[in-house]
């Protein structure tokens, strides 16, 4: 999927932060999406992307990433790997 976004030539903006701080809510508000939002640690475990039409014309891709936390449980390492890949691409 990242290859397709790269080929489209749209800039990617990664929304990054600690878990449960409102990243998905921000992406929903900006892109008028309906991503899952819940007051819970790790409510989402996969990065998701949404196209955002910019006010001055043009567009970008918003990437909603998995939140960061200290003392990461081993079972969540794969989810964070995908988040870090999204951040590097942005």
PDB file of N, CA and C in Angstrom:
ATOM      1  N   UNK A   1       0.817  -1.191   0.000  1.00  0.00           N
ATOM      2  CA  UNK A   1       0.000   0.000   0.000  1.00  0.00           C
ATOM      3  C   UNK A   1       0.864   1.260   0.000  1.00  0.00           C
ATOM      4  N   UNK A   2       1.989   1.193   0.729  1.00  0.00           N
ATOM      5  CA  UNK A   2       2.883   2.353   0.750  1.00  0.00           C
ATOM      6  C   UNK A   2       3.426   2.658  -0.633  1.00  0.00           C
ATOM      7  N   UNK A   3       3.706   1.614  -1.406  1.00  0.00           N
ATOM      8  CA  UNK A   3       4.221   1.821  -2.766  1.00  0.00           C
ATOM      9  C   UNK A   3       3.212   2.600  -3.606  1.00  0.00           C
ATOM     10  N   UNK A   4       1.941   2.261  -3.457  1.00  0.00           N
ATOM     11  CA  UNK A   4       0.897   2.965  -4.194  1.00  0.00           C
ATOM     12  C   UNK A   4       0.807   4.428  -3.791  1.00  0.00           C
ATOM     13  N   UNK A   5       0.931   4.705  -2.497  1.00  0.00           N
ATOM     14  CA  UNK A   5       0.896   6.097  -2.030  1.00  0.00           C
ATOM     15  C   UNK A   5       2.095   6.865  -2.559  1.00  0.00           C
ATOM     16  N   UNK A   6       3.260   6.213  -2.561  1.00  0.00           N
ATOM     17  CA  UNK A   6       4.465   6.859  -3.106  1.00  0.00           C
ATOM     18  C   UNK A   6       4.284   7.174  -4.580  1.00  0.00           C
ATOM     19  N   UNK A   7       3.716   6.219  -5.314  1.00  0.00           N
ATOM     20  CA  UNK A   7       3.522   6.398  -6.751  1.00  0.00           C
ATOM     21  C   UNK A   7       2.541   7.535  -7.040  1.00  0.00           C
ATOM     22  N   UNK A   8       1.576   7.752  -6.161  1.00  0.00           N
ATOM     23  CA  UNK A   8       0.602   8.826  -6.350  1.00  0.00           C
ATOM     24  C   UNK A   8       1.235  10.200  -6.151  1.00  0.00           C
ATOM     25  N   UNK A   9       2.388  10.241  -5.478  1.00  0.00           N
ATOM     26  CA  UNK A   9       3.101  11.495  -5.294  1.00  0.00           C
ATOM     27  C   UNK A   9       2.516  12.421  -4.244  1.00  0.00           C
ATOM     28  N   UNK A  10       1.617  11.923  -3.419  1.00  0.00           N
ATOM     29  CA  UNK A  10       1.044  12.762  -2.369  1.00  0.00           C
ATOM     30  C   UNK A  10       1.959  12.782  -1.150  1.00  0.00           C
ATOM     31  N   UNK A  11       2.127  13.953  -0.525  1.00  0.00           N
ATOM     32  CA  UNK A  11       2.902  13.986   0.717  1.00  0.00           C
ATOM     33  C   UNK A  11       2.175  13.199   1.805  1.00  0.00           C
ATOM     34  N   UNK A  12       2.925  12.594   2.702  1.00  0.00           N
ATOM     35  CA  UNK A  12       2.362  11.824   3.805  1.00  0.00           C
ATOM     36  C   UNK A  12       2.658  12.546   5.108  1.00  0.00           C
ATOM     37  N   UNK A  13       1.629  12.710   5.927  1.00  0.00           N
ATOM     38  CA  UNK A  13       1.759  13.336   7.236  1.00  0.00           C
ATOM     39  C   UNK A  13       1.414  12.279   8.276  1.00  0.00           C
ATOM     40  N   UNK A  14       2.384  11.920   9.121  1.00  0.00           N
ATOM     41  CA  UNK A  14       2.154  10.916  10.158  1.00  0.00           C
ATOM     42  C   UNK A  14       1.732  11.607  11.449  1.00  0.00           C
ATOM     43  N   UNK A  15       0.622  11.159  12.017  1.00  0.00           N
ATOM     44  CA  UNK A  15       0.154  11.654  13.306  1.00  0.00           C
ATOM     45  C   UNK A  15       0.711  10.688  14.350  1.00  0.00           C
ATOM     46  N   UNK A  16       1.662  11.176  15.143  1.00  0.00           N
ATOM     47  CA  UNK A  16       2.417  10.329  16.056  1.00  0.00           C
ATOM     48  C   UNK A  16       2.281  10.854  17.479  1.00  0.00           C
ATOM     49  N   UNK A  17       2.165   9.959  18.442  1.00  0.00           N
ATOM     50  CA  UNK A  17       2.112  10.354  19.845  1.00  0.00           C
ATOM     51  C   UNK A  17       1.886   9.148  20.724  1.00  0.00           C
ATOM     52  N   UNK A  18       1.793   9.400  22.014  1.00  0.00           N
ATOM     53  CA  UNK A  18       1.543   8.323  22.963  1.00  0.00           C
ATOM     54  C   UNK A  18       0.162   7.727  22.734  1.00  0.00           C
ATOM     55  N   UNK A  19      -0.058   6.532  23.255  1.00  0.00           N
ATOM     56  CA  UNK A  19      -1.351   5.875  23.125  1.00  0.00           C
ATOM     57  C   UNK A  19      -2.423   6.646  23.897  1.00  0.00           C
ATOM     58  N   UNK A  20      -3.623   6.661  23.379  1.00  0.00           N
ATOM     59  CA  UNK A  20      -4.798   7.241  24.016  1.00  0.00           C
ATOM     60  C   UNK A  20      -4.709   8.759  24.225  1.00  0.00           C
ATOM     61  N   UNK A  21      -4.147   9.470  23.239  1.00  0.00           N
ATOM     62  CA  UNK A  21      -4.085  10.936  23.340  1.00  0.00           C
ATOM     63  C   UNK A  21      -4.950  11.632  22.284  1.00  0.00           C
ATOM     64  N   UNK A  22      -5.619  10.871  21.425  1.00  0.00           N
ATOM     65  CA  UNK A  22      -6.537  11.482  20.476  1.00  0.00           C
ATOM     66  C   UNK A  22      -6.062  11.540  19.038  1.00  0.00           C
ATOM     67  N   UNK A  23      -5.090  10.715  18.664  1.00  0.00           N
ATOM     68  CA  UNK A  23      -4.599  10.723  17.278  1.00  0.00           C
ATOM     69  C   UNK A  23      -5.706  10.367  16.295  1.00  0.00           C
ATOM     70  N   UNK A  24      -6.462   9.321  16.578  1.00  0.00           N
ATOM     71  CA  UNK A  24      -7.544   8.917  15.677  1.00  0.00           C
ATOM     72  C   UNK A  24      -8.637   9.979  15.632  1.00  0.00           C
ATOM     73  N   UNK A  25      -8.929  10.598  16.759  1.00  0.00           N
ATOM     74  CA  UNK A  25      -9.930  11.672  16.782  1.00  0.00           C
ATOM     75  C   UNK A  25      -9.487  12.840  15.919  1.00  0.00           C
ATOM     76  N   UNK A  26      -8.201  13.173  15.964  1.00  0.00           N
ATOM     77  CA  UNK A  26      -7.674  14.254  15.138  1.00  0.00           C
ATOM     78  C   UNK A  26      -7.789  13.912  13.656  1.00  0.00           C
ATOM     79  N   UNK A  27      -7.402  12.694  13.285  1.00  0.00           N
ATOM     80  CA  UNK A  27      -7.506  12.272  11.883  1.00  0.00           C
ATOM     81  C   UNK A  27      -8.966  12.295  11.440  1.00  0.00           C
ATOM     82  N   UNK A  28      -9.870  11.810  12.294  1.00  0.00           N
ATOM     83  CA  UNK A  28     -11.300  11.846  11.960  1.00  0.00           C
ATOM     84  C   UNK A  28     -11.766  13.271  11.716  1.00  0.00           C
ATOM     85  N   UNK A  29     -11.383  14.172  12.584  1.00  0.00           N
ATOM     86  CA  UNK A  29     -11.819  15.559  12.466  1.00  0.00           C
ATOM     87  C   UNK A  29     -11.284  16.223  11.195  1.00  0.00           C
ATOM     88  N   UNK A  30     -10.017  16.009  10.912  1.00  0.00           N
ATOM     89  CA  UNK A  30      -9.399  16.636   9.746  1.00  0.00           C
ATOM     90  C   UNK A  30      -9.910  16.064   8.429  1.00  0.00           C
ATOM     91  N   UNK A  31     -10.098  14.752   8.390  1.00  0.00           N
ATOM     92  CA  UNK A  31     -10.436  14.096   7.126  1.00  0.00           C
ATOM     93  C   UNK A  31     -11.913  13.698   7.027  1.00  0.00           C
ATOM     94  N   UNK A  32     -12.680  14.062   8.022  1.00  0.00           N
ATOM     95  CA  UNK A  32     -14.104  13.694   8.067  1.00  0.00           C
ATOM     96  C   UNK A  32     -14.292  12.185   7.911  1.00  0.00           C
ATOM     97  N   UNK A  33     -13.445  11.446   8.629  1.00  0.00           N
ATOM     98  CA  UNK A  33     -13.484   9.983   8.605  1.00  0.00           C
ATOM     99  C   UNK A  33     -14.208   9.448   9.834  1.00  0.00           C
ATOM    100  N   UNK A  34     -14.314   8.146   9.878  1.00  0.00           N
ATOM    101  CA  UNK A  34     -14.949   7.493  11.023  1.00  0.00           C
ATOM    102  C   UNK A  34     -14.064   6.357  11.540  1.00  0.00           C
ATOM    103  N   UNK A  35     -12.788   6.664  11.761  1.00  0.00           N
ATOM    104  CA  UNK A  35     -11.899   5.662  12.343  1.00  0.00           C
ATOM    105  C   UNK A  35     -12.403   5.298  13.739  1.00  0.00           C
ATOM    106  N   UNK A  36     -12.130   4.080  14.154  1.00  0.00           N
ATOM    107  CA  UNK A  36     -12.529   3.624  15.490  1.00  0.00           C
ATOM    108  C   UNK A  36     -11.851   4.487  16.549  1.00  0.00           C
ATOM    109  N   UNK A  37     -12.635   5.006  17.496  1.00  0.00           N
ATOM    110  CA  UNK A  37     -12.129   5.820  18.592  1.00  0.00           C
ATOM    111  C   UNK A  37     -12.702   5.261  19.880  1.00  0.00           C
ATOM    112  N   UNK A  38     -11.822   5.048  20.861  1.00  0.00           N
ATOM    113  CA  UNK A  38     -12.263   4.509  22.142  1.00  0.00           C
ATOM    114  C   UNK A  38     -11.298   5.002  23.215  1.00  0.00           C
ATOM    115  N   UNK A  39     -11.810   5.295  24.405  1.00  0.00           N
ATOM    116  CA  UNK A  39     -10.966   5.729  25.511  1.00  0.00           C
ATOM    117  C   UNK A  39     -10.331   4.497  26.151  1.00  0.00           C
ATOM    118  N   UNK A  40      -9.293   3.998  25.472  1.00  0.00           N
ATOM    119  CA  UNK A  40      -8.682   2.728  25.862  1.00  0.00           C
ATOM    120  C   UNK A  40      -7.274   2.679  25.277  1.00  0.00           C
ATOM    121  N   UNK A  41      -6.337   2.134  26.031  1.00  0.00           N
ATOM    122  CA  UNK A  41      -4.990   1.961  25.508  1.00  0.00           C
ATOM    123  C   UNK A  41      -5.023   0.987  24.339  1.00  0.00           C
ATOM    124  N   UNK A  42      -4.355   1.346  23.261  1.00  0.00           N
ATOM    125  CA  UNK A  42      -4.240   0.493  22.083  1.00  0.00           C
ATOM    126  C   UNK A  42      -5.588   0.061  21.519  1.00  0.00           C
ATOM    127  N   UNK A  43      -6.510   1.004  21.402  1.00  0.00           N
ATOM    128  CA  UNK A  43      -7.811   0.692  20.797  1.00  0.00           C
ATOM    129  C   UNK A  43      -7.622   0.279  19.338  1.00  0.00           C
ATOM    130  N   UNK A  44      -6.594   0.806  18.684  1.00  0.00           N
ATOM    131  CA  UNK A  44      -6.260   0.396  17.322  1.00  0.00           C
ATOM    132  C   UNK A  44      -4.821  -0.095  17.311  1.00  0.00           C
ATOM    133  N   UNK A  45      -4.579  -1.149  16.573  1.00  0.00           N
ATOM    134  CA  UNK A  45      -3.233  -1.740  16.529  1.00  0.00           C
ATOM    135  C   UNK A  45      -2.620  -1.731  15.139  1.00  0.00           C
ATOM    136  N   UNK A  46      -3.265  -1.079  14.186  1.00  0.00           N
ATOM    137  CA  UNK A  46      -2.728  -0.992  12.833  1.00  0.00           C
ATOM    138  C   UNK A  46      -2.748   0.464  12.383  1.00  0.00           C
ATOM    139  N   UNK A  47      -1.664   0.923  11.762  1.00  0.00           N
ATOM    140  CA  UNK A  47      -1.713   2.273  11.192  1.00  0.00           C
ATOM    141  C   UNK A  47      -2.764   2.318  10.083  1.00  0.00           C
ATOM    142  N   UNK A  48      -3.481   3.426   9.998  1.00  0.00           N
ATOM    143  CA  UNK A  48      -4.453   3.608   8.930  1.00  0.00           C
ATOM    144  C   UNK A  48      -4.175   4.937   8.239  1.00  0.00           C
ATOM    145  N   UNK A  49      -4.574   5.035   6.998  1.00  0.00           N
ATOM    146  CA  UNK A  49      -4.342   6.269   6.255  1.00  0.00           C
ATOM    147  C   UNK A  49      -5.651   6.789   5.682  1.00  0.00           C
ATOM    148  N   UNK A  50      -5.707   8.113   5.573  1.00  0.00           N
ATOM    149  CA  UNK A  50      -6.858   8.776   4.982  1.00  0.00           C
ATOM    150  C   UNK A  50      -6.355   9.916   4.112  1.00  0.00           C
ATOM    151  N   UNK A  51      -7.015  10.120   3.003  1.00  0.00           N
ATOM    152  CA  UNK A  51      -6.685  11.242   2.118  1.00  0.00           C
ATOM    153  C   UNK A  51      -7.290  12.506   2.711  1.00  0.00           C
ATOM    154  N   UNK A  52      -6.517  13.588   2.703  1.00  0.00           N
ATOM    155  CA  UNK A  52      -6.982  14.868   3.211  1.00  0.00           C
ATOM    156  C   UNK A  52      -6.885  15.899   2.105  1.00  0.00           C
ATOM    157  N   UNK A  53      -8.039  16.461   1.726  1.00  0.00           N
ATOM    158  CA  UNK A  53      -8.066  17.543   0.750  1.00  0.00           C
ATOM    159  C   UNK A  53      -7.687  18.829   1.476  1.00  0.00           C
ATOM    160  N   UNK A  54      -6.688  19.535   0.968  1.00  0.00           N
ATOM    161  CA  UNK A  54      -6.193  20.737   1.625  1.00  0.00           C
ATOM    162  C   UNK A  54      -6.973  21.967   1.177  1.00  0.00           C
ATOM    163  N   UNK A  55      -7.148  22.941   2.072  1.00  0.00           N
ATOM    164  CA  UNK A  55      -7.963  24.122   1.761  1.00  0.00           C
ATOM    165  C   UNK A  55      -7.490  24.900   0.534  1.00  0.00           C
ATOM    166  N   UNK A  56      -6.192  24.989   0.304  1.00  0.00           N
ATOM    167  CA  UNK A  56      -5.676  25.745  -0.826  1.00  0.00           C
ATOM    168  C   UNK A  56      -5.588  24.934  -2.104  1.00  0.00           C
ATOM    169  N   UNK A  57      -6.161  23.760  -2.110  1.00  0.00           N
ATOM    170  CA  UNK A  57      -6.038  22.851  -3.245  1.00  0.00           C
ATOM    171  C   UNK A  57      -4.977  21.812  -2.952  1.00  0.00           C
ATOM    172  N   UNK A  58      -4.984  20.766  -3.680  1.00  0.00           N
ATOM    173  CA  UNK A  58      -4.042  19.680  -3.435  1.00  0.00           C
ATOM    174  C   UNK A  58      -4.538  18.769  -2.332  1.00  0.00           C
ATOM    175  N   UNK A  59      -3.719  17.810  -2.003  1.00  0.00           N
ATOM    176  CA  UNK A  59      -4.098  16.823  -0.995  1.00  0.00           C
ATOM    177  C   UNK A  59      -2.855  16.243  -0.356  1.00  0.00           C
ATOM    178  N   UNK A  60      -3.057  15.540   0.748  1.00  0.00           N
ATOM    179  CA  UNK A  60      -1.987  14.778   1.380  1.00  0.00           C
ATOM    180  C   UNK A  60      -2.616  13.523   1.967  1.00  0.00           C
ATOM    181  N   UNK A  61      -1.794  12.652   2.457  1.00  0.00           N
ATOM    182  CA  UNK A  61      -2.251  11.434   3.108  1.00  0.00           C
ATOM    183  C   UNK A  61      -1.935  11.560   4.587  1.00  0.00           C
ATOM    184  N   UNK A  62      -2.948  11.401   5.444  1.00  0.00           N
ATOM    185  CA  UNK A  62      -2.757  11.389   6.889  1.00  0.00           C
ATOM    186  C   UNK A  62      -2.573   9.942   7.324  1.00  0.00           C
ATOM    187  N   UNK A  63      -1.553   9.687   8.096  1.00  0.00           N
ATOM    188  CA  UNK A  63      -1.316   8.345   8.607  1.00  0.00           C
ATOM    189  C   UNK A  63      -1.535   8.353  10.114  1.00  0.00           C
ATOM    190  N   UNK A  64      -2.566   7.647  10.553  1.00  0.00           N
ATOM    191  CA  UNK A  64      -2.870   7.507  11.981  1.00  0.00           C
ATOM    192  C   UNK A  64      -2.080   6.311  12.486  1.00  0.00           C
ATOM    193  N   UNK A  65      -1.130   6.562  13.369  1.00  0.00           N
ATOM    194  CA  UNK A  65      -0.216   5.514  13.816  1.00  0.00           C
ATOM    195  C   UNK A  65      -0.643   4.919  15.150  1.00  0.00           C
ATOM    196  N   UNK A  66      -0.075   3.777  15.482  1.00  0.00           N
ATOM    197  CA  UNK A  66      -0.280   3.153  16.785  1.00  0.00           C
ATOM    198  C   UNK A  66       0.483   3.974  17.809  1.00  0.00           C
ATOM    199  N   UNK A  67      -0.124   4.226  18.967  1.00  0.00           N
ATOM    200  CA  UNK A  67       0.500   5.061  19.996  1.00  0.00           C
ATOM    201  C   UNK A  67       1.711   4.420  20.635  1.00  0.00           C
ATOM    202  N   UNK A  68       2.579   5.282  21.130  1.00  0.00           N
ATOM    203  CA  UNK A  68       3.783   4.824  21.813  1.00  0.00           C
ATOM    204  C   UNK A  68       3.513   4.636  23.300  1.00  0.00           C
ATOM    205  N   UNK A  69       4.294   3.772  23.927  1.00  0.00           N
ATOM    206  CA  UNK A  69       4.206   3.529  25.362  1.00  0.00           C
ATOM    207  C   UNK A  69       5.567   3.020  25.828  1.00  0.00           C
ATOM    208  N   UNK A  70       5.914   3.327  27.053  1.00  0.00           N
ATOM    209  CA  UNK A  70       7.167   2.782  27.588  1.00  0.00           C
ATOM    210  C   UNK A  70       6.922   1.347  28.044  1.00  0.00           C
ATOM    211  N   UNK A  71       7.977   0.554  28.140  1.00  0.00           N
ATOM    212  CA  UNK A  71       7.895  -0.852  28.547  1.00  0.00           C
ATOM    213  C   UNK A  71       6.924  -1.628  27.659  1.00  0.00           C
ATOM    214  N   UNK A  72       7.170  -1.560  26.371  1.00  0.00           N
ATOM    215  CA  UNK A  72       6.311  -2.182  25.368  1.00  0.00           C
ATOM    216  C   UNK A  72       6.228  -3.694  25.546  1.00  0.00           C
ATOM    217  N   UNK A  73       5.010  -4.247  25.650  1.00  0.00           N
ATOM    218  CA  UNK A  73       4.867  -5.703  25.712  1.00  0.00           C
ATOM    219  C   UNK A  73       5.308  -6.328  24.378  1.00  0.00           C
ATOM    220  N   UNK A  74       5.972  -7.460  24.459  1.00  0.00           N
ATOM    221  CA  UNK A  74       6.485  -8.147  23.273  1.00  0.00           C
ATOM    222  C   UNK A  74       5.377  -8.394  22.252  1.00  0.00           C
ATOM    223  N   UNK A  75       4.160  -8.658  22.698  1.00  0.00           N
ATOM    224  CA  UNK A  75       3.059  -8.965  21.782  1.00  0.00           C
ATOM    225  C   UNK A  75       2.685  -7.786  20.889  1.00  0.00           C
ATOM    226  N   UNK A  76       3.143  -6.564  21.204  1.00  0.00           N
ATOM    227  CA  UNK A  76       2.797  -5.393  20.416  1.00  0.00           C
ATOM    228  C   UNK A  76       3.927  -4.899  19.521  1.00  0.00           C
ATOM    229  N   UNK A  77       5.037  -5.614  19.495  1.00  0.00           N
ATOM    230  CA  UNK A  77       6.203  -5.178  18.727  1.00  0.00           C
ATOM    231  C   UNK A  77       5.867  -5.018  17.242  1.00  0.00           C
ATOM    232  N   UNK A  78       5.120  -5.934  16.642  1.00  0.00           N
ATOM    233  CA  UNK A  78       4.788  -5.848  15.217  1.00  0.00           C
ATOM    234  C   UNK A  78       3.975  -4.597  14.904  1.00  0.00           C
ATOM    235  N   UNK A  79       3.028  -4.247  15.775  1.00  0.00           N
ATOM    236  CA  UNK A  79       2.223  -3.043  15.555  1.00  0.00           C
ATOM    237  C   UNK A  79       3.125  -1.807  15.552  1.00  0.00           C
ATOM    238  N   UNK A  80       4.105  -1.774  16.422  1.00  0.00           N
ATOM    239  CA  UNK A  80       5.005  -0.632  16.469  1.00  0.00           C
ATOM    240  C   UNK A  80       5.956  -0.602  15.281  1.00  0.00           C
ATOM    241  N   UNK A  81       6.324  -1.744  14.786  1.00  0.00           N
ATOM    242  CA  UNK A  81       7.187  -1.784  13.602  1.00  0.00           C
ATOM    243  C   UNK A  81       6.480  -1.096  12.433  1.00  0.00           C
ATOM    244  N   UNK A  82       5.202  -1.396  12.247  1.00  0.00           N
ATOM    245  CA  UNK A  82       4.436  -0.761  11.173  1.00  0.00           C
ATOM    246  C   UNK A  82       4.323   0.742  11.396  1.00  0.00           C
ATOM    247  N   UNK A  83       4.146   1.168  12.638  1.00  0.00           N
ATOM    248  CA  UNK A  83       4.082   2.598  12.949  1.00  0.00           C
ATOM    249  C   UNK A  83       5.394   3.277  12.594  1.00  0.00           C
ATOM    250  N   UNK A  84       6.500   2.689  12.985  1.00  0.00           N
ATOM    251  CA  UNK A  84       7.799   3.305  12.687  1.00  0.00           C
ATOM    252  C   UNK A  84       8.058   3.360  11.195  1.00  0.00           C
ATOM    253  N   UNK A  85       7.615   2.358  10.453  1.00  0.00           N
ATOM    254  CA  UNK A  85       7.760   2.396   8.994  1.00  0.00           C
ATOM    255  C   UNK A  85       6.951   3.551   8.401  1.00  0.00           C
ATOM    256  N   UNK A  86       5.743   3.781   8.930  1.00  0.00           N
ATOM    257  CA  UNK A  86       4.918   4.902   8.450  1.00  0.00           C
ATOM    258  C   UNK A  86       5.599   6.233   8.743  1.00  0.00           C
ATOM    259  N   UNK A  87       6.184   6.367   9.918  1.00  0.00           N
ATOM    260  CA  UNK A  87       6.855   7.614  10.294  1.00  0.00           C
ATOM    261  C   UNK A  87       8.052   7.869   9.388  1.00  0.00           C
ATOM    262  N   UNK A  88       8.814   6.843   9.090  1.00  0.00           N
ATOM    263  CA  UNK A  88       9.982   7.000   8.204  1.00  0.00           C
ATOM    264  C   UNK A  88       9.522   7.448   6.813  1.00  0.00           C
ATOM    265  N   UNK A  89       8.430   6.865   6.310  1.00  0.00           N
ATOM    266  CA  UNK A  89       7.918   7.235   4.999  1.00  0.00           C
ATOM    267  C   UNK A  89       7.421   8.674   4.949  1.00  0.00           C
ATOM    268  N   UNK A  90       6.859   9.155   6.072  1.00  0.00           N
ATOM    269  CA  UNK A  90       6.318  10.524   6.123  1.00  0.00           C
ATOM    270  C   UNK A  90       7.492  11.490   6.144  1.00  0.00           C
TER     271      UNK A  90
END
